[in-house]
Every structure is written in C-alpha cells, then in structure tokens.
Amino acid sequence: MTTPVKYPQPPVELVGAVEAFLYDCTPAEGCGVCTALIAELEEAKKADRWSAAYDAAAEVRNHPHEKGGRR
C-alpha cells in the first residue's frame, strides 16, 4: 500500500502540449481565408494576445473545405 503525500509539491508543467493543443492548425493549400487567419494567428502570438491567437487557430481548424479537393 502506498502512503499519500501530505505536503505541497511543485506543479506539473506540460511543456508544449497545451500550446500545441490550442494553437496548432493546418491551413488549406491555396485558401486566402486560411492564409489571412494564419497571419492573424502569428501576429497575435507575437503580441501575447493569446485569446485572439486561439480564436484565429480555431477558425482555421473549423474553416469549411470540401474533402477531396472539390468545392
């Protein structure tokens, strides 16, 4: 049987995992909307505007594109 820890411990840091989950996105090739959103994402990251960066990344992920290259 294990003994529970009864004193505070340092926080666990998930280096890179949270950022990747929030801000990673793949723009569709040749899409002007996705290109503009990626520029907005990068600008927001440089300005430490994390809410705006998340919004831009989410829009890229959710931007509608037909599967198979047809529109």
PDB file of N, CA and C in Angstrom:
ATOM      1  N   MET A   1       0.831  -1.167   0.000  1.00  0.00           N
ATOM      2  CA  MET A   1       0.000   0.000   0.000  1.00  0.00           C
ATOM      3  C   MET A   1       0.881   1.238   0.000  1.00  0.00           C
ATOM      4  N   THR A   2       0.466   2.262  -0.743  1.00  0.00           N
ATOM      5  CA  THR A   2       1.270   3.479  -0.811  1.00  0.00           C
ATOM      6  C   THR A   2       0.804   4.491   0.223  1.00  0.00           C
ATOM      7  N   THR A   3       1.707   5.348   0.607  1.00  0.00           N
ATOM      8  CA  THR A   3       1.400   6.396   1.563  1.00  0.00           C
ATOM      9  C   THR A   3       1.135   7.684   0.792  1.00  0.00           C
ATOM     10  N   PRO A   4      -0.009   8.344   1.008  1.00  0.00           N
ATOM     11  CA  PRO A   4      -0.275   9.580   0.283  1.00  0.00           C
ATOM     12  C   PRO A   4       0.669  10.699   0.721  1.00  0.00           C
ATOM     13  N   VAL A   5       1.005  11.574  -0.215  1.00  0.00           N
ATOM     14  CA  VAL A   5       1.859  12.722   0.087  1.00  0.00           C
ATOM     15  C   VAL A   5       1.020  13.752   0.838  1.00  0.00           C
ATOM     16  N   LYS A   6       1.576  14.256   1.937  1.00  0.00           N
ATOM     17  CA  LYS A   6       0.829  15.187   2.779  1.00  0.00           C
ATOM     18  C   LYS A   6       1.465  16.575   2.798  1.00  0.00           C
ATOM     19  N   TYR A   7       2.211  16.906   1.773  1.00  0.00           N
ATOM     20  CA  TYR A   7       2.824  18.223   1.688  1.00  0.00           C
ATOM     21  C   TYR A   7       2.739  18.697   0.241  1.00  0.00           C
ATOM     22  N   PRO A   8       2.773  20.018   0.018  1.00  0.00           N
ATOM     23  CA  PRO A   8       2.649  20.540  -1.344  1.00  0.00           C
ATOM     24  C   PRO A   8       3.824  20.118  -2.223  1.00  0.00           C
ATOM     25  N   GLN A   9       3.522  19.918  -3.472  1.00  0.00           N
ATOM     26  CA  GLN A   9       4.556  19.564  -4.441  1.00  0.00           C
ATOM     27  C   GLN A   9       4.537  20.593  -5.561  1.00  0.00           C
ATOM     28  N   PRO A  10       5.638  20.723  -6.295  1.00  0.00           N
ATOM     29  CA  PRO A  10       5.649  21.688  -7.394  1.00  0.00           C
ATOM     30  C   PRO A  10       4.632  21.296  -8.469  1.00  0.00           C
ATOM     31  N   PRO A  11       4.121  22.288  -9.207  1.00  0.00           N
ATOM     32  CA  PRO A  11       3.134  21.985 -10.240  1.00  0.00           C
ATOM     33  C   PRO A  11       3.740  21.178 -11.387  1.00  0.00           C
ATOM     34  N   VAL A  12       2.915  20.415 -12.026  1.00  0.00           N
ATOM     35  CA  VAL A  12       3.335  19.660 -13.203  1.00  0.00           C
ATOM     36  C   VAL A  12       3.197  20.577 -14.405  1.00  0.00           C
ATOM     37  N   GLU A  13       4.254  20.700 -15.197  1.00  0.00           N
ATOM     38  CA  GLU A  13       4.197  21.540 -16.383  1.00  0.00           C
ATOM     39  C   GLU A  13       4.211  20.662 -17.625  1.00  0.00           C
ATOM     40  N   LEU A  14       3.250  20.884 -18.492  1.00  0.00           N
ATOM     41  CA  LEU A  14       3.145  20.131 -19.735  1.00  0.00           C
ATOM     42  C   LEU A  14       3.742  20.987 -20.853  1.00  0.00           C
ATOM     43  N   VAL A  15       5.060  20.979 -20.929  1.00  0.00           N
ATOM     44  CA  VAL A  15       5.773  21.840 -21.860  1.00  0.00           C
ATOM     45  C   VAL A  15       5.362  21.536 -23.300  1.00  0.00           C
ATOM     46  N   GLY A  16       4.815  22.539 -23.947  1.00  0.00           N
ATOM     47  CA  GLY A  16       4.458  22.419 -25.350  1.00  0.00           C
ATOM     48  C   GLY A  16       3.128  21.743 -25.627  1.00  0.00           C
ATOM     49  N   ALA A  17       2.644  20.918 -24.739  1.00  0.00           N
ATOM     50  CA  ALA A  17       1.419  20.162 -25.002  1.00  0.00           C
ATOM     51  C   ALA A  17       0.200  21.075 -25.070  1.00  0.00           C
ATOM     52  N   VAL A  18       0.097  21.996 -24.157  1.00  0.00           N
ATOM     53  CA  VAL A  18      -1.063  22.893 -24.135  1.00  0.00           C
ATOM     54  C   VAL A  18      -1.020  23.833 -25.337  1.00  0.00           C
ATOM     55  N   GLU A  19       0.162  24.388 -25.630  1.00  0.00           N
ATOM     56  CA  GLU A  19       0.290  25.283 -26.766  1.00  0.00           C
ATOM     57  C   GLU A  19      -0.057  24.568 -28.069  1.00  0.00           C
ATOM     58  N   ALA A  20       0.413  23.349 -28.220  1.00  0.00           N
ATOM     59  CA  ALA A  20       0.115  22.583 -29.433  1.00  0.00           C
ATOM     60  C   ALA A  20      -1.389  22.321 -29.542  1.00  0.00           C
ATOM     61  N   PHE A  21      -2.011  21.993 -28.437  1.00  0.00           N
ATOM     62  CA  PHE A  21      -3.443  21.712 -28.444  1.00  0.00           C
ATOM     63  C   PHE A  21      -4.252  22.953 -28.816  1.00  0.00           C
ATOM     64  N   LEU A  22      -3.839  24.121 -28.303  1.00  0.00           N
ATOM     65  CA  LEU A  22      -4.600  25.345 -28.525  1.00  0.00           C
ATOM     66  C   LEU A  22      -4.314  26.015 -29.861  1.00  0.00           C
ATOM     67  N   TYR A  23      -3.053  26.026 -30.299  1.00  0.00           N
ATOM     68  CA  TYR A  23      -2.670  26.886 -31.409  1.00  0.00           C
ATOM     69  C   TYR A  23      -2.253  26.170 -32.690  1.00  0.00           C
ATOM     70  N   ASP A  24      -2.117  24.850 -32.701  1.00  0.00           N
ATOM     71  CA  ASP A  24      -1.740  24.156 -33.925  1.00  0.00           C
ATOM     72  C   ASP A  24      -2.936  24.041 -34.860  1.00  0.00           C
ATOM     73  N   CYS A  25      -2.706  24.334 -36.114  1.00  0.00           N
ATOM     74  CA  CYS A  25      -3.746  24.213 -37.122  1.00  0.00           C
ATOM     75  C   CYS A  25      -3.061  24.108 -38.486  1.00  0.00           C
ATOM     76  N   THR A  26      -3.742  23.523 -39.443  1.00  0.00           N
ATOM     77  CA  THR A  26      -3.191  23.355 -40.776  1.00  0.00           C
ATOM     78  C   THR A  26      -4.090  24.073 -41.774  1.00  0.00           C
ATOM     79  N   PRO A  27      -3.580  25.131 -42.405  1.00  0.00           N
ATOM     80  CA  PRO A  27      -4.402  25.845 -43.382  1.00  0.00           C
ATOM     81  C   PRO A  27      -4.543  25.034 -44.668  1.00  0.00           C
ATOM     82  N   ALA A  28      -5.664  25.209 -45.341  1.00  0.00           N
ATOM     83  CA  ALA A  28      -5.865  24.538 -46.621  1.00  0.00           C
ATOM     84  C   ALA A  28      -4.995  25.219 -47.670  1.00  0.00           C
ATOM     85  N   GLU A  29      -4.386  24.419 -48.501  1.00  0.00           N
ATOM     86  CA  GLU A  29      -3.497  24.930 -49.536  1.00  0.00           C
ATOM     87  C   GLU A  29      -4.256  25.824 -50.513  1.00  0.00           C
ATOM     88  N   GLY A  30      -3.732  27.019 -50.738  1.00  0.00           N
ATOM     89  CA  GLY A  30      -4.327  27.929 -51.700  1.00  0.00           C
ATOM     90  C   GLY A  30      -5.553  28.687 -51.219  1.00  0.00           C
ATOM     91  N   CYS A  31      -5.901  28.575 -49.964  1.00  0.00           N
ATOM     92  CA  CYS A  31      -7.089  29.264 -49.433  1.00  0.00           C
ATOM     93  C   CYS A  31      -6.675  30.621 -48.862  1.00  0.00           C
ATOM     94  N   GLY A  32      -7.244  31.687 -49.418  1.00  0.00           N
ATOM     95  CA  GLY A  32      -6.927  33.035 -48.958  1.00  0.00           C
ATOM     96  C   GLY A  32      -7.387  33.303 -47.543  1.00  0.00           C
ATOM     97  N   VAL A  33      -8.536  32.750 -47.163  1.00  0.00           N
ATOM     98  CA  VAL A  33      -9.056  32.940 -45.807  1.00  0.00           C
ATOM     99  C   VAL A  33      -8.106  32.302 -44.795  1.00  0.00           C
ATOM    100  N   CYS A  34      -7.675  31.084 -45.062  1.00  0.00           N
ATOM    101  CA  CYS A  34      -6.750  30.397 -44.150  1.00  0.00           C
ATOM    102  C   CYS A  34      -5.418  31.148 -44.053  1.00  0.00           C
ATOM    103  N   THR A  35      -4.929  31.649 -45.180  1.00  0.00           N
ATOM    104  CA  THR A  35      -3.676  32.402 -45.190  1.00  0.00           C
ATOM    105  C   THR A  35      -3.792  33.652 -44.320  1.00  0.00           C
ATOM    106  N   ALA A  36      -4.897  34.376 -44.440  1.00  0.00           N
ATOM    107  CA  ALA A  36      -5.110  35.576 -43.628  1.00  0.00           C
ATOM    108  C   ALA A  36      -5.217  35.225 -42.145  1.00  0.00           C
ATOM    109  N   LEU A  37      -5.897  34.127 -41.846  1.00  0.00           N
ATOM    110  CA  LEU A  37      -6.046  33.718 -40.446  1.00  0.00           C
ATOM    111  C   LEU A  37      -4.707  33.301 -39.837  1.00  0.00           C
ATOM    112  N   ILE A  38      -3.851  32.646 -40.621  1.00  0.00           N
ATOM    113  CA  ILE A  38      -2.528  32.261 -40.117  1.00  0.00           C
ATOM    114  C   ILE A  38      -1.700  33.510 -39.816  1.00  0.00           C
ATOM    115  N   ALA A  39      -1.799  34.521 -40.681  1.00  0.00           N
ATOM    116  CA  ALA A  39      -1.094  35.783 -40.426  1.00  0.00           C
ATOM    117  C   ALA A  39      -1.612  36.425 -39.144  1.00  0.00           C
ATOM    118  N   GLU A  40      -2.925  36.400 -38.949  1.00  0.00           N
ATOM    119  CA  GLU A  40      -3.539  36.942 -37.726  1.00  0.00           C
ATOM    120  C   GLU A  40      -3.080  36.157 -36.497  1.00  0.00           C
ATOM    121  N   LEU A  41      -2.991  34.850 -36.625  1.00  0.00           N
ATOM    122  CA  LEU A  41      -2.532  33.989 -35.532  1.00  0.00           C
ATOM    123  C   LEU A  41      -1.100  34.344 -35.135  1.00  0.00           C
ATOM    124  N   GLU A  42      -0.215  34.449 -36.105  1.00  0.00           N
ATOM    125  CA  GLU A  42       1.185  34.760 -35.814  1.00  0.00           C
ATOM    126  C   GLU A  42       1.337  36.149 -35.188  1.00  0.00           C
ATOM    127  N   GLU A  43       0.577  37.113 -35.695  1.00  0.00           N
ATOM    128  CA  GLU A  43       0.622  38.471 -35.152  1.00  0.00           C
ATOM    129  C   GLU A  43       0.140  38.488 -33.694  1.00  0.00           C
ATOM    130  N   ALA A  44      -0.930  37.760 -33.413  1.00  0.00           N
ATOM    131  CA  ALA A  44      -1.460  37.699 -32.049  1.00  0.00           C
ATOM    132  C   ALA A  44      -0.471  37.025 -31.097  1.00  0.00           C
ATOM    133  N   LYS A  45       0.199  35.975 -31.566  1.00  0.00           N
ATOM    134  CA  LYS A  45       1.205  35.306 -30.730  1.00  0.00           C
ATOM    135  C   LYS A  45       2.343  36.255 -30.388  1.00  0.00           C
ATOM    136  N   LYS A  46       2.818  37.010 -31.392  1.00  0.00           N
ATOM    137  CA  LYS A  46       3.929  37.948 -31.151  1.00  0.00           C
ATOM    138  C   LYS A  46       3.535  39.035 -30.170  1.00  0.00           C
ATOM    139  N   ALA A  47       2.261  39.430 -30.176  1.00  0.00           N
ATOM    140  CA  ALA A  47       1.778  40.489 -29.284  1.00  0.00           C
ATOM    141  C   ALA A  47       1.287  39.942 -27.937  1.00  0.00           C
ATOM    142  N   ASP A  48       1.457  38.635 -27.717  1.00  0.00           N
ATOM    143  CA  ASP A  48       0.994  37.977 -26.483  1.00  0.00           C
ATOM    144  C   ASP A  48      -0.501  38.159 -26.267  1.00  0.00           C
ATOM    145  N   ARG A  49      -1.264  38.170 -27.348  1.00  0.00           N
ATOM    146  CA  ARG A  49      -2.728  38.228 -27.273  1.00  0.00           C
ATOM    147  C   ARG A  49      -3.237  36.802 -27.483  1.00  0.00           C
ATOM    148  N   TRP A  50      -3.208  36.021 -26.417  1.00  0.00           N
ATOM    149  CA  TRP A  50      -3.437  34.579 -26.524  1.00  0.00           C
ATOM    150  C   TRP A  50      -4.876  34.227 -26.857  1.00  0.00           C
ATOM    151  N   SER A  51      -5.822  35.026 -26.413  1.00  0.00           N
ATOM    152  CA  SER A  51      -7.215  34.762 -26.740  1.00  0.00           C
ATOM    153  C   SER A  51      -7.451  34.942 -28.243  1.00  0.00           C
ATOM    154  N   ALA A  52      -6.888  36.003 -28.809  1.00  0.00           N
ATOM    155  CA  ALA A  52      -7.013  36.248 -30.253  1.00  0.00           C
ATOM    156  C   ALA A  52      -6.290  35.166 -31.042  1.00  0.00           C
ATOM    157  N   ALA A  53      -5.152  34.703 -30.529  1.00  0.00           N
ATOM    158  CA  ALA A  53      -4.405  33.630 -31.207  1.00  0.00           C
ATOM    159  C   ALA A  53      -5.234  32.348 -31.227  1.00  0.00           C
ATOM    160  N   TYR A  54      -5.851  32.016 -30.106  1.00  0.00           N
ATOM    161  CA  TYR A  54      -6.694  30.822 -30.061  1.00  0.00           C
ATOM    162  C   TYR A  54      -7.861  30.949 -31.031  1.00  0.00           C
ATOM    163  N   ASP A  55      -8.501  32.131 -31.054  1.00  0.00           N
ATOM    164  CA  ASP A  55      -9.639  32.336 -31.949  1.00  0.00           C
ATOM    165  C   ASP A  55      -9.241  32.140 -33.407  1.00  0.00           C
ATOM    166  N   ALA A  56      -8.086  32.675 -33.808  1.00  0.00           N
ATOM    167  CA  ALA A  56      -7.626  32.522 -35.189  1.00  0.00           C
ATOM    168  C   ALA A  56      -7.332  31.060 -35.507  1.00  0.00           C
ATOM    169  N   ALA A  57      -6.675  30.352 -34.591  1.00  0.00           N
ATOM    170  CA  ALA A  57      -6.364  28.932 -34.818  1.00  0.00           C
ATOM    171  C   ALA A  57      -7.646  28.108 -34.915  1.00  0.00           C
ATOM    172  N   ALA A  58      -8.615  28.410 -34.064  1.00  0.00           N
ATOM    173  CA  ALA A  58      -9.883  27.679 -34.100  1.00  0.00           C
ATOM    174  C   ALA A  58     -10.608  27.930 -35.415  1.00  0.00           C
ATOM    175  N   GLU A  59     -10.546  29.165 -35.923  1.00  0.00           N
ATOM    176  CA  GLU A  59     -11.194  29.460 -37.200  1.00  0.00           C
ATOM    177  C   GLU A  59     -10.535  28.701 -38.346  1.00  0.00           C
ATOM    178  N   VAL A  60      -9.215  28.582 -38.320  1.00  0.00           N
ATOM    179  CA  VAL A  60      -8.523  27.802 -39.360  1.00  0.00           C
ATOM    180  C   VAL A  60      -8.965  26.344 -39.292  1.00  0.00           C
ATOM    181  N   ARG A  61      -9.007  25.800 -38.083  1.00  0.00           N
ATOM    182  CA  ARG A  61      -9.414  24.392 -37.931  1.00  0.00           C
ATOM    183  C   ARG A  61     -10.857  24.173 -38.377  1.00  0.00           C
ATOM    184  N   ASN A  62     -11.726  25.146 -38.154  1.00  0.00           N
ATOM    185  CA  ASN A  62     -13.149  24.990 -38.454  1.00  0.00           C
ATOM    186  C   ASN A  62     -13.564  25.546 -39.809  1.00  0.00           C
ATOM    187  N   HIS A  63     -12.630  26.157 -40.535  1.00  0.00           N
ATOM    188  CA  HIS A  63     -12.969  26.737 -41.836  1.00  0.00           C
ATOM    189  C   HIS A  63     -13.364  25.610 -42.794  1.00  0.00           C
ATOM    190  N   PRO A  64     -14.528  25.726 -43.420  1.00  0.00           N
ATOM    191  CA  PRO A  64     -15.017  24.620 -44.252  1.00  0.00           C
ATOM    192  C   PRO A  64     -14.244  24.470 -45.561  1.00  0.00           C
ATOM    193  N   HIS A  65     -13.837  23.259 -45.824  1.00  0.00           N
ATOM    194  CA  HIS A  65     -13.219  22.890 -47.100  1.00  0.00           C
ATOM    195  C   HIS A  65     -13.760  21.520 -47.467  1.00  0.00           C
ATOM    196  N   GLU A  66     -14.023  21.358 -48.721  1.00  0.00           N
ATOM    197  CA  GLU A  66     -14.517  20.059 -49.202  1.00  0.00           C
ATOM    198  C   GLU A  66     -13.392  19.042 -49.162  1.00  0.00           C
ATOM    199  N   LYS A  67     -13.713  17.827 -48.830  1.00  0.00           N
ATOM    200  CA  LYS A  67     -12.734  16.742 -48.852  1.00  0.00           C
ATOM    201  C   LYS A  67     -12.512  16.329 -50.317  1.00  0.00           C
ATOM    202  N   GLY A  68     -11.293  15.986 -50.645  1.00  0.00           N
ATOM    203  CA  GLY A  68     -11.013  15.520 -51.998  1.00  0.00           C
ATOM    204  C   GLY A  68     -10.689  16.634 -52.970  1.00  0.00           C
ATOM    205  N   GLY A  69     -10.604  17.887 -52.509  1.00  0.00           N
ATOM    206  CA  GLY A  69     -10.178  18.985 -53.346  1.00  0.00           C
ATOM    207  C   GLY A  69     -11.265  19.609 -54.200  1.00  0.00           C
ATOM    208  N   ARG A  70     -12.509  19.165 -54.111  1.00  0.00           N
ATOM    209  CA  ARG A  70     -13.587  19.773 -54.895  1.00  0.00           C
ATOM    210  C   ARG A  70     -14.371  20.735 -54.023  1.00  0.00           C
ATOM    211  N   ARG A  71     -14.843  21.807 -54.622  1.00  0.00           N
ATOM    212  CA  ARG A  71     -15.678  22.771 -53.909  1.00  0.00           C
ATOM    213  C   ARG A  71     -16.987  22.928 -54.588  1.00  0.00           C
TER     214      ARG A  71
END
